[in-house]
């Protein structure tokens, strides 16, 4: 998949990246130095990230203080890079130990970002300071709950249904939410936990004959696809890693206003400690260090 970058953007990138300041930035990256860049206005941070990605060839983690700025950066990066190369990893809590309403869209975006890190070359993951604290399933743990399907593949239909049930999917009559599947004869509908749309898998005995995305409202097929990765759930007690563990093979971390980010993270942990201490024993919250990592 190629980036659909406008000609004007390509020309602007060419001019910017030949400036001496970008040359010095590249030299610092090659030397493994920590670099501070100041006075970035408007969408210029996206250009810096795009340049360092090209120069290093390494996955990038970009940490911003607030969600609004992070979402804007994702939009800016989509103008410079292929859409599949950029993913947003949002926080799934508004306050520590948040037990509010489950939000499928947030859950999907978070799992999608982790899946991108595991299966895409040198992606850019954009997140916020507090989102970086939450403990996650390990990369190996997440890979264990991925089922890859492709057209023409030999797959036992009953084995697939058993796998879905064992990985946290709910069997229903009609699929309309994340984490659901249904089966009717040789057709299996499934809405992966990280997907934007559900998939209809059609079997010819034990061979996948076709796969199509479909609309949850009309239940009509839309795009035909050749392959899909279904992502299962990982038990909460196996959430022992952090987002940084997904960069164990190397990467570039970009902080916007690092001191402010660290303050937000420490404030969050302090509030989490207070919530834990004042919660009655019968509610049995897990210890702070079991849920959140230190900055």
C-alpha atoms as a PDB file:
ATOM      1  CA  UNK A   1       0.000   0.000   0.000  1.00  0.00           C
ATOM      2  CA  UNK A   2       1.386   3.361  -0.997  1.00  0.00           C
ATOM      3  CA  UNK A   3       0.890   6.697   0.698  1.00  0.00           C
ATOM      4  CA  UNK A   4      -1.375   9.046  -1.244  1.00  0.00           C
ATOM      5  CA  UNK A   5       0.690  12.120  -0.510  1.00  0.00           C
ATOM      6  CA  UNK A   6      -0.280  15.267  -2.354  1.00  0.00           C
ATOM      7  CA  UNK A   7       2.366  16.625  -4.758  1.00  0.00           C
ATOM      8  CA  UNK A   8       2.521  19.867  -2.794  1.00  0.00           C
ATOM      9  CA  UNK A   9       3.298  17.948   0.396  1.00  0.00           C
ATOM     10  CA  UNK A  10       6.045  15.976  -1.361  1.00  0.00           C
ATOM     11  CA  UNK A  11       7.628  19.195  -2.601  1.00  0.00           C
ATOM     12  CA  UNK A  12       7.417  20.745   0.874  1.00  0.00           C
ATOM     13  CA  UNK A  13       8.990  17.665   2.456  1.00  0.00           C
ATOM     14  CA  UNK A  14      11.843  17.742  -0.045  1.00  0.00           C
ATOM     15  CA  UNK A  15      12.609  21.373   0.736  1.00  0.00           C
ATOM     16  CA  UNK A  16      12.303  20.984   4.498  1.00  0.00           C
ATOM     17  CA  UNK A  17      14.387  17.845   4.774  1.00  0.00           C
ATOM     18  CA  UNK A  18      17.312  19.432   2.943  1.00  0.00           C
ATOM     19  CA  UNK A  19      17.585  22.205   5.530  1.00  0.00           C
ATOM     20  CA  UNK A  20      20.746  22.051   7.704  1.00  0.00           C
ATOM     21  CA  UNK A  21      18.712  21.508  10.880  1.00  0.00           C
ATOM     22  CA  UNK A  22      17.385  18.201   9.537  1.00  0.00           C
ATOM     23  CA  UNK A  23      20.904  17.160   8.596  1.00  0.00           C
ATOM     24  CA  UNK A  24      22.046  17.758  12.173  1.00  0.00           C
ATOM     25  CA  UNK A  25      19.018  15.835  13.447  1.00  0.00           C
ATOM     26  CA  UNK A  26      19.915  12.852  11.280  1.00  0.00           C
ATOM     27  CA  UNK A  27      23.527  12.897  12.511  1.00  0.00           C
ATOM     28  CA  UNK A  28      22.356  12.938  16.120  1.00  0.00           C
ATOM     29  CA  UNK A  29      20.052   9.975  15.488  1.00  0.00           C
ATOM     30  CA  UNK A  30      22.856   7.999  13.850  1.00  0.00           C
ATOM     31  CA  UNK A  31      25.007   8.688  16.916  1.00  0.00           C
ATOM     32  CA  UNK A  32      22.255   7.475  19.243  1.00  0.00           C
ATOM     33  CA  UNK A  33      21.991  10.840  20.956  1.00  0.00           C
ATOM     34  CA  UNK A  34      18.994  12.308  22.739  1.00  0.00           C
ATOM     35  CA  UNK A  35      17.800  15.287  20.749  1.00  0.00           C
ATOM     36  CA  UNK A  36      15.722  18.256  21.880  1.00  0.00           C
ATOM     37  CA  UNK A  37      13.734  20.179  19.252  1.00  0.00           C
ATOM     38  CA  UNK A  38      12.087  23.454  20.236  1.00  0.00           C
ATOM     39  CA  UNK A  39       9.587  25.931  18.834  1.00  0.00           C
ATOM     40  CA  UNK A  40       7.591  23.422  16.799  1.00  0.00           C
ATOM     41  CA  UNK A  41       4.414  25.133  15.636  1.00  0.00           C
ATOM     42  CA  UNK A  42       1.299  23.865  13.883  1.00  0.00           C
ATOM     43  CA  UNK A  43       1.815  20.515  12.147  1.00  0.00           C
ATOM     44  CA  UNK A  44       5.613  20.680  12.195  1.00  0.00           C
ATOM     45  CA  UNK A  45       5.908  17.841  14.720  1.00  0.00           C
ATOM     46  CA  UNK A  46       4.446  15.489  12.108  1.00  0.00           C
ATOM     47  CA  UNK A  47       7.185  16.469   9.660  1.00  0.00           C
ATOM     48  CA  UNK A  48       9.860  15.840  12.302  1.00  0.00           C
ATOM     49  CA  UNK A  49       8.414  12.390  13.040  1.00  0.00           C
ATOM     50  CA  UNK A  50       8.160  11.593   9.327  1.00  0.00           C
ATOM     51  CA  UNK A  51      11.787  12.621   8.799  1.00  0.00           C
ATOM     52  CA  UNK A  52      13.182  10.651  11.744  1.00  0.00           C
ATOM     53  CA  UNK A  53      11.178   7.609  10.633  1.00  0.00           C
ATOM     54  CA  UNK A  54      12.736   7.779   7.172  1.00  0.00           C
ATOM     55  CA  UNK A  55      16.198   8.454   8.570  1.00  0.00           C
ATOM     56  CA  UNK A  56      16.178   5.688  11.190  1.00  0.00           C
ATOM     57  CA  UNK A  57      13.920   3.012   9.693  1.00  0.00           C
ATOM     58  CA  UNK A  58      12.865   2.187  13.257  1.00  0.00           C
ATOM     59  CA  UNK A  59       9.400   2.055  14.842  1.00  0.00           C
ATOM     60  CA  UNK A  60       8.401   5.274  16.601  1.00  0.00           C
ATOM     61  CA  UNK A  61       6.504   5.925  19.807  1.00  0.00           C
ATOM     62  CA  UNK A  62       5.250   9.498  20.092  1.00  0.00           C
ATOM     63  CA  UNK A  63       4.007  10.555  23.541  1.00  0.00           C
ATOM     64  CA  UNK A  64       1.939  13.726  23.987  1.00  0.00           C
ATOM     65  CA  UNK A  65       0.429  15.233  27.137  1.00  0.00           C
ATOM     66  CA  UNK A  66      -3.201  15.326  25.979  1.00  0.00           C
ATOM     67  CA  UNK A  67      -5.528  13.259  23.798  1.00  0.00           C
ATOM     68  CA  UNK A  68      -6.668  16.167  21.620  1.00  0.00           C
ATOM     69  CA  UNK A  69      -3.118  16.933  20.502  1.00  0.00           C
ATOM     70  CA  UNK A  70      -2.416  13.219  19.957  1.00  0.00           C
ATOM     71  CA  UNK A  71      -5.465  12.823  17.716  1.00  0.00           C
ATOM     72  CA  UNK A  72      -4.449  15.891  15.700  1.00  0.00           C
ATOM     73  CA  UNK A  73      -0.956  14.483  15.235  1.00  0.00           C
ATOM     74  CA  UNK A  74      -2.416  11.223  13.909  1.00  0.00           C
ATOM     75  CA  UNK A  75      -4.406  13.217  11.345  1.00  0.00           C
ATOM     76  CA  UNK A  76      -1.292  15.188  10.361  1.00  0.00           C
ATOM     77  CA  UNK A  77       0.769  12.010   9.977  1.00  0.00           C
ATOM     78  CA  UNK A  78      -1.883  10.449   7.742  1.00  0.00           C
ATOM     79  CA  UNK A  79      -1.167  13.245   5.273  1.00  0.00           C
ATOM     80  CA  UNK A  80       2.507  12.230   5.167  1.00  0.00           C
ATOM     81  CA  UNK A  81       2.502   8.442   5.567  1.00  0.00           C
ATOM     82  CA  UNK A  82       0.439   5.407   4.529  1.00  0.00           C
ATOM     83  CA  UNK A  83      -2.563   5.040   6.816  1.00  0.00           C
ATOM     84  CA  UNK A  84      -1.535   1.528   7.891  1.00  0.00           C
ATOM     85  CA  UNK A  85       1.776   2.866   9.187  1.00  0.00           C
ATOM     86  CA  UNK A  86       0.228   5.146  11.842  1.00  0.00           C
ATOM     87  CA  UNK A  87      -1.887   4.003  14.803  1.00  0.00           C
ATOM     88  CA  UNK A  88      -3.316   5.777  17.811  1.00  0.00           C
ATOM     89  CA  UNK A  89      -3.087   4.106  21.232  1.00  0.00           C
ATOM     90  CA  UNK A  90      -5.560   6.001  23.456  1.00  0.00           C
ATOM     91  CA  UNK A  91      -6.000   5.769  27.195  1.00  0.00           C
ATOM     92  CA  UNK A  92      -8.898   3.544  28.194  1.00  0.00           C
ATOM     93  CA  UNK A  93      -9.510   5.305  31.503  1.00  0.00           C
ATOM     94  CA  UNK A  94     -10.469   8.862  32.404  1.00  0.00           C
ATOM     95  CA  UNK A  95      -9.459   8.356  36.049  1.00  0.00           C
ATOM     96  CA  UNK A  96      -7.323   5.693  37.766  1.00  0.00           C
ATOM     97  CA  UNK A  97      -9.085   2.363  38.348  1.00  0.00           C
ATOM     98  CA  UNK A  98     -11.874   3.539  36.061  1.00  0.00           C
ATOM     99  CA  UNK A  99     -14.711   1.005  36.082  1.00  0.00           C
ATOM    100  CA  UNK A 100     -16.977   2.985  33.802  1.00  0.00           C
ATOM    101  CA  UNK A 101     -18.840   1.829  30.726  1.00  0.00           C
ATOM    102  CA  UNK A 102     -16.836  -0.366  28.345  1.00  0.00           C
ATOM    103  CA  UNK A 103     -16.063   1.592  25.176  1.00  0.00           C
ATOM    104  CA  UNK A 104     -15.616  -0.753  22.184  1.00  0.00           C
ATOM    105  CA  UNK A 105     -14.035   1.939  19.993  1.00  0.00           C
ATOM    106  CA  UNK A 106     -11.244   2.629  22.503  1.00  0.00           C
ATOM    107  CA  UNK A 107     -10.681  -1.089  23.070  1.00  0.00           C
ATOM    108  CA  UNK A 108     -10.473  -1.650  19.315  1.00  0.00           C
ATOM    109  CA  UNK A 109      -7.997   1.206  18.754  1.00  0.00           C
ATOM    110  CA  UNK A 110      -5.713  -0.010  21.538  1.00  0.00           C
ATOM    111  CA  UNK A 111      -5.618  -3.593  20.274  1.00  0.00           C
ATOM    112  CA  UNK A 112      -5.205  -2.398  16.705  1.00  0.00           C
ATOM    113  CA  UNK A 113      -2.131  -0.344  17.690  1.00  0.00           C
ATOM    114  CA  UNK A 114      -0.552  -3.344  19.432  1.00  0.00           C
ATOM    115  CA  UNK A 115      -1.289  -5.543  16.436  1.00  0.00           C
ATOM    116  CA  UNK A 116       0.301  -2.963  14.131  1.00  0.00           C
ATOM    117  CA  UNK A 117       3.440  -3.035  16.273  1.00  0.00           C
ATOM    118  CA  UNK A 118       3.637  -6.806  15.966  1.00  0.00           C
ATOM    119  CA  UNK A 119       2.952  -7.122  12.251  1.00  0.00           C
ATOM    120  CA  UNK A 120       3.930  -3.888  10.479  1.00  0.00           C
ATOM    121  CA  UNK A 121       7.424  -2.703   9.644  1.00  0.00           C
ATOM    122  CA  UNK A 122       8.543   0.461  11.447  1.00  0.00           C
ATOM    123  CA  UNK A 123       5.144   1.911  12.361  1.00  0.00           C
ATOM    124  CA  UNK A 124       4.396   5.114  14.253  1.00  0.00           C
ATOM    125  CA  UNK A 125       2.357   4.705  17.445  1.00  0.00           C
ATOM    126  CA  UNK A 126       0.920   7.904  18.915  1.00  0.00           C
ATOM    127  CA  UNK A 127      -0.197   7.871  22.537  1.00  0.00           C
ATOM    128  CA  UNK A 128      -0.658  10.025  25.623  1.00  0.00           C
ATOM    129  CA  UNK A 129       1.316  10.182  28.839  1.00  0.00           C
ATOM    130  CA  UNK A 130      -1.281   8.432  31.004  1.00  0.00           C
ATOM    131  CA  UNK A 131      -2.009   5.771  28.369  1.00  0.00           C
ATOM    132  CA  UNK A 132       1.651   4.787  28.579  1.00  0.00           C
ATOM    133  CA  UNK A 133       1.221   3.732  32.225  1.00  0.00           C
ATOM    134  CA  UNK A 134      -1.385   0.980  31.843  1.00  0.00           C
ATOM    135  CA  UNK A 135      -0.065  -2.575  31.939  1.00  0.00           C
ATOM    136  CA  UNK A 136      -0.772  -4.697  28.853  1.00  0.00           C
ATOM    137  CA  UNK A 137      -0.509  -8.275  27.642  1.00  0.00           C
ATOM    138  CA  UNK A 138       3.026  -9.136  26.585  1.00  0.00           C
ATOM    139  CA  UNK A 139       3.885  -9.231  22.871  1.00  0.00           C
ATOM    140  CA  UNK A 140       4.207 -13.029  23.039  1.00  0.00           C
ATOM    141  CA  UNK A 141       0.929 -13.267  24.937  1.00  0.00           C
ATOM    142  CA  UNK A 142      -0.829 -11.210  22.295  1.00  0.00           C
ATOM    143  CA  UNK A 143       0.671 -13.226  19.442  1.00  0.00           C
ATOM    144  CA  UNK A 144      -0.717 -16.389  21.051  1.00  0.00           C
ATOM    145  CA  UNK A 145      -4.266 -15.088  20.629  1.00  0.00           C
ATOM    146  CA  UNK A 146      -4.002 -14.123  16.954  1.00  0.00           C
ATOM    147  CA  UNK A 147      -5.640 -16.344  14.330  1.00  0.00           C
ATOM    148  CA  UNK A 148      -4.699 -15.570  10.735  1.00  0.00           C
ATOM    149  CA  UNK A 149      -7.087 -16.617   7.965  1.00  0.00           C
ATOM    150  CA  UNK A 150      -6.717 -16.321   4.210  1.00  0.00           C
ATOM    151  CA  UNK A 151      -8.729 -17.316   1.170  1.00  0.00           C
ATOM    152  CA  UNK A 152      -7.808 -20.818   0.004  1.00  0.00           C
ATOM    153  CA  UNK A 153      -6.553 -21.877   3.437  1.00  0.00           C
ATOM    154  CA  UNK A 154      -7.666 -25.242   4.827  1.00  0.00           C
ATOM    155  CA  UNK A 155      -9.419 -24.600   8.146  1.00  0.00           C
ATOM    156  CA  UNK A 156     -11.725 -26.873  10.085  1.00  0.00           C
ATOM    157  CA  UNK A 157     -14.876 -24.813  10.678  1.00  0.00           C
ATOM    158  CA  UNK A 158     -15.606 -26.422  14.052  1.00  0.00           C
ATOM    159  CA  UNK A 159     -12.022 -25.826  15.185  1.00  0.00           C
ATOM    160  CA  UNK A 160     -12.406 -22.145  14.273  1.00  0.00           C
ATOM    161  CA  UNK A 161     -15.634 -21.876  16.285  1.00  0.00           C
ATOM    162  CA  UNK A 162     -13.950 -23.540  19.266  1.00  0.00           C
ATOM    163  CA  UNK A 163     -10.987 -21.150  18.998  1.00  0.00           C
ATOM    164  CA  UNK A 164     -13.309 -18.138  18.970  1.00  0.00           C
ATOM    165  CA  UNK A 165     -15.189 -19.354  22.040  1.00  0.00           C
ATOM    166  CA  UNK A 166     -11.943 -20.027  23.934  1.00  0.00           C
ATOM    167  CA  UNK A 167     -10.561 -16.559  23.133  1.00  0.00           C
ATOM    168  CA  UNK A 168     -13.386 -14.538  24.634  1.00  0.00           C
ATOM    169  CA  UNK A 169     -15.761 -14.239  21.677  1.00  0.00           C
ATOM    170  CA  UNK A 170     -19.510 -14.435  22.278  1.00  0.00           C
ATOM    171  CA  UNK A 171     -21.658 -16.588  19.990  1.00  0.00           C
ATOM    172  CA  UNK A 172     -24.794 -14.746  18.858  1.00  0.00           C
ATOM    173  CA  UNK A 173     -27.478 -15.060  16.191  1.00  0.00           C
ATOM    174  CA  UNK A 174     -26.507 -11.796  14.471  1.00  0.00           C
ATOM    175  CA  UNK A 175     -23.107 -10.115  14.766  1.00  0.00           C
ATOM    176  CA  UNK A 176     -23.280  -6.384  15.481  1.00  0.00           C
ATOM    177  CA  UNK A 177     -20.595  -5.700  18.110  1.00  0.00           C
ATOM    178  CA  UNK A 178     -16.904  -6.298  18.737  1.00  0.00           C
ATOM    179  CA  UNK A 179     -16.068  -9.748  20.089  1.00  0.00           C
ATOM    180  CA  UNK A 180     -19.056 -11.570  18.592  1.00  0.00           C
ATOM    181  CA  UNK A 181     -19.392 -14.418  16.095  1.00  0.00           C
ATOM    182  CA  UNK A 182     -22.166 -16.416  14.492  1.00  0.00           C
ATOM    183  CA  UNK A 183     -22.300 -19.555  12.364  1.00  0.00           C
ATOM    184  CA  UNK A 184     -24.850 -20.589   9.762  1.00  0.00           C
ATOM    185  CA  UNK A 185     -23.961 -23.630   7.711  1.00  0.00           C
ATOM    186  CA  UNK A 186     -20.773 -22.873   5.813  1.00  0.00           C
ATOM    187  CA  UNK A 187     -20.729 -19.173   6.774  1.00  0.00           C
ATOM    188  CA  UNK A 188     -19.023 -17.767   9.876  1.00  0.00           C
ATOM    189  CA  UNK A 189     -19.397 -14.088  10.772  1.00  0.00           C
ATOM    190  CA  UNK A 190     -16.877 -12.651  13.217  1.00  0.00           C
ATOM    191  CA  UNK A 191     -16.123  -9.165  14.569  1.00  0.00           C
ATOM    192  CA  UNK A 192     -12.518  -9.154  15.766  1.00  0.00           C
ATOM    193  CA  UNK A 193     -11.747  -7.195  18.938  1.00  0.00           C
ATOM    194  CA  UNK A 194      -9.436  -4.842  17.017  1.00  0.00           C
ATOM    195  CA  UNK A 195     -11.426  -4.488  13.792  1.00  0.00           C
ATOM    196  CA  UNK A 196     -13.333  -1.591  12.273  1.00  0.00           C
ATOM    197  CA  UNK A 197     -15.761  -3.946  10.498  1.00  0.00           C
ATOM    198  CA  UNK A 198     -16.821  -7.600  10.893  1.00  0.00           C
ATOM    199  CA  UNK A 199     -15.858 -10.298   8.410  1.00  0.00           C
ATOM    200  CA  UNK A 200     -17.989 -12.964   6.712  1.00  0.00           C
ATOM    201  CA  UNK A 201     -16.000 -16.167   6.125  1.00  0.00           C
ATOM    202  CA  UNK A 202     -17.501 -18.593   3.609  1.00  0.00           C
ATOM    203  CA  UNK A 203     -16.364 -22.214   3.689  1.00  0.00           C
ATOM    204  CA  UNK A 204     -16.305 -24.814   0.946  1.00  0.00           C
ATOM    205  CA  UNK A 205     -16.130 -27.886   3.195  1.00  0.00           C
ATOM    206  CA  UNK A 206     -12.781 -27.297   5.020  1.00  0.00           C
ATOM    207  CA  UNK A 207     -11.429 -24.580   2.728  1.00  0.00           C
ATOM    208  CA  UNK A 208     -12.028 -20.842   3.015  1.00  0.00           C
ATOM    209  CA  UNK A 209     -13.698 -19.971  -0.283  1.00  0.00           C
ATOM    210  CA  UNK A 210     -14.114 -16.211   0.277  1.00  0.00           C
ATOM    211  CA  UNK A 211     -14.028 -13.472   2.903  1.00  0.00           C
ATOM    212  CA  UNK A 212     -15.872 -10.172   2.892  1.00  0.00           C
ATOM    213  CA  UNK A 213     -16.339  -7.340   5.310  1.00  0.00           C
ATOM    214  CA  UNK A 214     -19.984  -6.520   5.972  1.00  0.00           C
ATOM    215  CA  UNK A 215     -22.138  -3.749   7.382  1.00  0.00           C
ATOM    216  CA  UNK A 216     -23.570  -4.428  10.856  1.00  0.00           C
ATOM    217  CA  UNK A 217     -26.777  -2.511  10.143  1.00  0.00           C
ATOM    218  CA  UNK A 218     -27.736  -3.951   6.765  1.00  0.00           C
ATOM    219  CA  UNK A 219     -25.762  -7.203   7.244  1.00  0.00           C
ATOM    220  CA  UNK A 220     -24.817  -6.884   3.561  1.00  0.00           C
ATOM    221  CA  UNK A 221     -21.312  -7.723   2.357  1.00  0.00           C
ATOM    222  CA  UNK A 222     -19.092  -4.824   1.340  1.00  0.00           C
ATOM    223  CA  UNK A 223     -15.363  -5.221   0.620  1.00  0.00           C
ATOM    224  CA  UNK A 224     -13.894  -8.520  -0.488  1.00  0.00           C
ATOM    225  CA  UNK A 225     -10.644  -9.337   1.331  1.00  0.00           C
ATOM    226  CA  UNK A 226      -7.984 -12.012   0.905  1.00  0.00           C
ATOM    227  CA  UNK A 227      -6.740 -12.324   4.496  1.00  0.00           C
ATOM    228  CA  UNK A 228      -7.601 -11.285   8.032  1.00  0.00           C
ATOM    229  CA  UNK A 229      -6.057 -11.556  11.496  1.00  0.00           C
ATOM    230  CA  UNK A 230      -8.541 -12.271  14.293  1.00  0.00           C
ATOM    231  CA  UNK A 231      -7.455 -11.078  17.720  1.00  0.00           C
ATOM    232  CA  UNK A 232      -8.617 -12.829  20.871  1.00  0.00           C
ATOM    233  CA  UNK A 233      -8.641 -11.636  24.465  1.00  0.00           C
ATOM    234  CA  UNK A 234      -5.820 -12.008  26.961  1.00  0.00           C
ATOM    235  CA  UNK A 235      -6.766 -12.551  30.612  1.00  0.00           C
ATOM    236  CA  UNK A 236      -6.341  -9.492  32.860  1.00  0.00           C
ATOM    237  CA  UNK A 237      -3.952 -11.381  35.150  1.00  0.00           C
ATOM    238  CA  UNK A 238      -1.576 -11.735  32.179  1.00  0.00           C
ATOM    239  CA  UNK A 239      -1.282  -7.963  31.688  1.00  0.00           C
ATOM    240  CA  UNK A 240       2.292  -7.542  32.918  1.00  0.00           C
ATOM    241  CA  UNK A 241       3.964  -5.665  30.076  1.00  0.00           C
ATOM    242  CA  UNK A 242       3.887  -2.032  28.971  1.00  0.00           C
ATOM    243  CA  UNK A 243       3.740  -0.351  25.588  1.00  0.00           C
ATOM    244  CA  UNK A 244       7.517   0.086  25.693  1.00  0.00           C
ATOM    245  CA  UNK A 245       7.943  -3.718  25.736  1.00  0.00           C
ATOM    246  CA  UNK A 246       6.601  -3.748  22.174  1.00  0.00           C
ATOM    247  CA  UNK A 247       9.709  -1.761  21.179  1.00  0.00           C
ATOM    248  CA  UNK A 248      12.192  -4.279  22.593  1.00  0.00           C
ATOM    249  CA  UNK A 249      13.930  -4.648  19.213  1.00  0.00           C
ATOM    250  CA  UNK A 250      14.709  -0.942  19.151  1.00  0.00           C
ATOM    251  CA  UNK A 251      12.853   2.214  18.306  1.00  0.00           C
ATOM    252  CA  UNK A 252      12.652   5.972  18.648  1.00  0.00           C
ATOM    253  CA  UNK A 253      10.662   7.625  21.441  1.00  0.00           C
ATOM    254  CA  UNK A 254       9.473  11.171  20.777  1.00  0.00           C
ATOM    255  CA  UNK A 255       8.152  13.206  23.704  1.00  0.00           C
ATOM    256  CA  UNK A 256       6.234  16.433  23.322  1.00  0.00           C
ATOM    257  CA  UNK A 257       7.005  18.431  26.486  1.00  0.00           C
ATOM    258  CA  UNK A 258       8.550  15.512  28.378  1.00  0.00           C
ATOM    259  CA  UNK A 259       8.600  17.272  31.797  1.00  0.00           C
ATOM    260  CA  UNK A 260       4.863  17.923  31.555  1.00  0.00           C
ATOM    261  CA  UNK A 261       4.218  14.339  30.454  1.00  0.00           C
ATOM    262  CA  UNK A 262       6.171  12.995  33.422  1.00  0.00           C
ATOM    263  CA  UNK A 263       4.246  15.263  35.788  1.00  0.00           C
ATOM    264  CA  UNK A 264       0.939  13.976  34.411  1.00  0.00           C
ATOM    265  CA  UNK A 265       2.131  10.400  34.858  1.00  0.00           C
ATOM    266  CA  UNK A 266       3.275  10.950  38.438  1.00  0.00           C
ATOM    267  CA  UNK A 267       0.037  12.769  39.284  1.00  0.00           C
ATOM    268  CA  UNK A 268      -1.918   9.816  37.881  1.00  0.00           C
ATOM    269  CA  UNK A 269       0.027   7.316  39.977  1.00  0.00           C
ATOM    270  CA  UNK A 270      -0.434   9.455  43.084  1.00  0.00           C
ATOM    271  CA  UNK A 271      -4.183   9.578  42.489  1.00  0.00           C
ATOM    272  CA  UNK A 272      -4.229   5.811  41.839  1.00  0.00           C
ATOM    273  CA  UNK A 273      -2.513   5.241  45.190  1.00  0.00           C
ATOM    274  CA  UNK A 274      -5.111   7.382  46.943  1.00  0.00           C
ATOM    275  CA  UNK A 275      -7.977   5.502  45.269  1.00  0.00           C
ATOM    276  CA  UNK A 276      -6.458   2.168  46.259  1.00  0.00           C
ATOM    277  CA  UNK A 277      -5.946   3.244  49.879  1.00  0.00           C
ATOM    278  CA  UNK A 278      -9.468   4.541  50.406  1.00  0.00           C
ATOM    279  CA  UNK A 279     -11.233   1.637  48.645  1.00  0.00           C
ATOM    280  CA  UNK A 280     -12.864  -0.839  51.068  1.00  0.00           C
ATOM    281  CA  UNK A 281     -11.139  -4.213  51.294  1.00  0.00           C
ATOM    282  CA  UNK A 282     -14.216  -6.066  50.091  1.00  0.00           C
ATOM    283  CA  UNK A 283     -13.928  -4.400  46.673  1.00  0.00           C
ATOM    284  CA  UNK A 284     -10.420  -5.860  46.319  1.00  0.00           C
ATOM    285  CA  UNK A 285      -8.705  -3.560  43.865  1.00  0.00           C
ATOM    286  CA  UNK A 286      -5.392  -4.878  42.505  1.00  0.00           C
ATOM    287  CA  UNK A 287      -2.276  -3.114  43.762  1.00  0.00           C
ATOM    288  CA  UNK A 288      -1.225   0.013  41.894  1.00  0.00           C
ATOM    289  CA  UNK A 289       1.957  -1.619  40.574  1.00  0.00           C
ATOM    290  CA  UNK A 290      -0.085  -4.502  39.156  1.00  0.00           C
ATOM    291  CA  UNK A 291      -2.176  -2.139  37.035  1.00  0.00           C
ATOM    292  CA  UNK A 292       0.246   0.684  36.212  1.00  0.00           C
ATOM    293  CA  UNK A 293       3.951   0.943  35.502  1.00  0.00           C
ATOM    294  CA  UNK A 294       6.282   3.604  36.843  1.00  0.00           C
ATOM    295  CA  UNK A 295       7.340   6.347  34.394  1.00  0.00           C
END
